[in-house]
Amino acid sequence: MLINRRHVQAFVGSVRHEGFAAATTKTFRYLGNRRTIAVPSFTRFHLEENKIKAIKAANAQFMSRRPDVKTALWVMPDFLHISNGGPNTILRFAHAMSKRGIKVHIAIVDGNQYRDPRTILREILDEFGQTGNLTVSYIPSGQVEKLAELPAYDMAFATLWTTAFFVGQYIKASSYFYFIQDFESLFYPASTEYQLADLTYEFGYFGVFNTPGLKDAVLSQHSMSGVAFSPGVDSAVYYPPAHPQNVAEYPIRVVFYGRPAVPRNLFELGVDTLREMKRVFKDKIDIVVVGSPHAPVRLDFQSRWLGYLPYKETGKLYRSAHVGIALMATPHPSYLPIQLMACGTVPLAIQSPYTQWLLDDGVNSICSRPTALDMLARFSDAVADTESFARLREGAIATAQRYDWSRAVNDTLSQILSGNRDAAVTRSRSWERAAAGTDVAE
């Protein structure tokens, strides 16, 4: 908490989701004297019961009839870089829809970067290829009601919990979808934001879940239906080294994805683990920290803080490392473990039933209980045996090669556009069918 004469800002979590520009914070301002404060308002996050019923009725009719889809709307928050995971995945799916002949409009809301939508469109086309069926609009912060001026669409997609309120309030559509990339209520402690984010999973949207484990987690607590996909890997950036360095050749390089401003990345646990590693391995370990634009904290052990690397430079760094520490407190493992795997780097992650679709402890990764000493012990065991670690690396590479963005996107779109259940493999546990690329919630 930051305190000064004029105001108190209590940063209660952050909705920064792999590169989105908007963050929800509570700001308390003093009114005249230090004992009186203005309470922030969340009244714009509301959806009437009759609109929730309308969403459910529209989706029921759409799923039973499966009409031809000619138009689609994606509503998303402003974003910092097109290469960041969350925005990039949304734009990848929207662009792929446009390549199927569907007229797709992307509405960026709560904008605080003040960019020209024509520039954003050029960035999207440069990233994913040319299409004549894609348009972009940009709605600055405080003007979200302008969404009501948009025409009706065959499909409308919300993409972050805030947009789930906006789409339900303002958008006219024949069907309503929710592109869910993490269990977003868990971004917050028990709070107003937590309750509001959690409420959106009860609005009747049809879910499109980024990973089968995330779908399992959300559906264990909410009565949604939907499909899940397993993310792919950009093989132009993430690929194995020609000659990987053996762990017997010191120093052992460890890359840590450290974001102190994002609680779900467990920065403190990561730092404690690195400190213990340095205490035990001393000069035999080389620690590199990435993920934040600058070093907001001073670590009390030798390390290098490389900051926020350009996307295309991350693969080169990962290929130079033996182990990558990728910690998440939410059901989504982030894209880092699969990117590390593709580069022949072994992920060190937290044990979770919701990430078993990807992380197989002792086969392609090192999975540990969430304590620094447990993580140190698992790491020490893994690097102690050269042959065993080489097998871990081979398992990681083989796992990453099973995942493909093109298949994941096309199979998922085939499901939600036509109801083609052949696009998924149905078994008892979703992480067992993840390699098929998609998954249907019955």
Foldseek 3Di string as FASTA:
>chain_A
DDDDDWWDWDAFFWLPDQFFDDTDTWIWTDDPDPVDTDGDDPVLLDFDPVLLVVQQVLAVVCVVPLDFFAEEEEEEEHGDDCPGDQNVVVLQLQVVVQVVNHQYEYEHEQDDVPDDQVVVVVVSCVVHHDGPRYGYDYYHRPRLLCLLVDDEGQEYEYEALSVLSSCSVRHHYSHYAYEDEFQSLVSGDPDPSSVSSLCSLASNHAYEYAAQLRVVVNVVPGVHWYKYFYAAEDLVQFAEDPDADFLVPFQAEEEEAADVSRVQQVNVLVLLLVVVVCVVCPRSYAYEYEHAQDDPDDRPDDYHYPYHDDPSCVNVVLNNHAEYEQEGNTLRSGCVQLSSLNHLHAYEYEDDPSCLLQDDDLQQHPYFHRHSVRSNVSVCVLNVDRVSSNRNSVSSNVSNVLGDNVLLSVLRCCCVSRVPPVLWDDDDGRSVGNSSGMGTGD
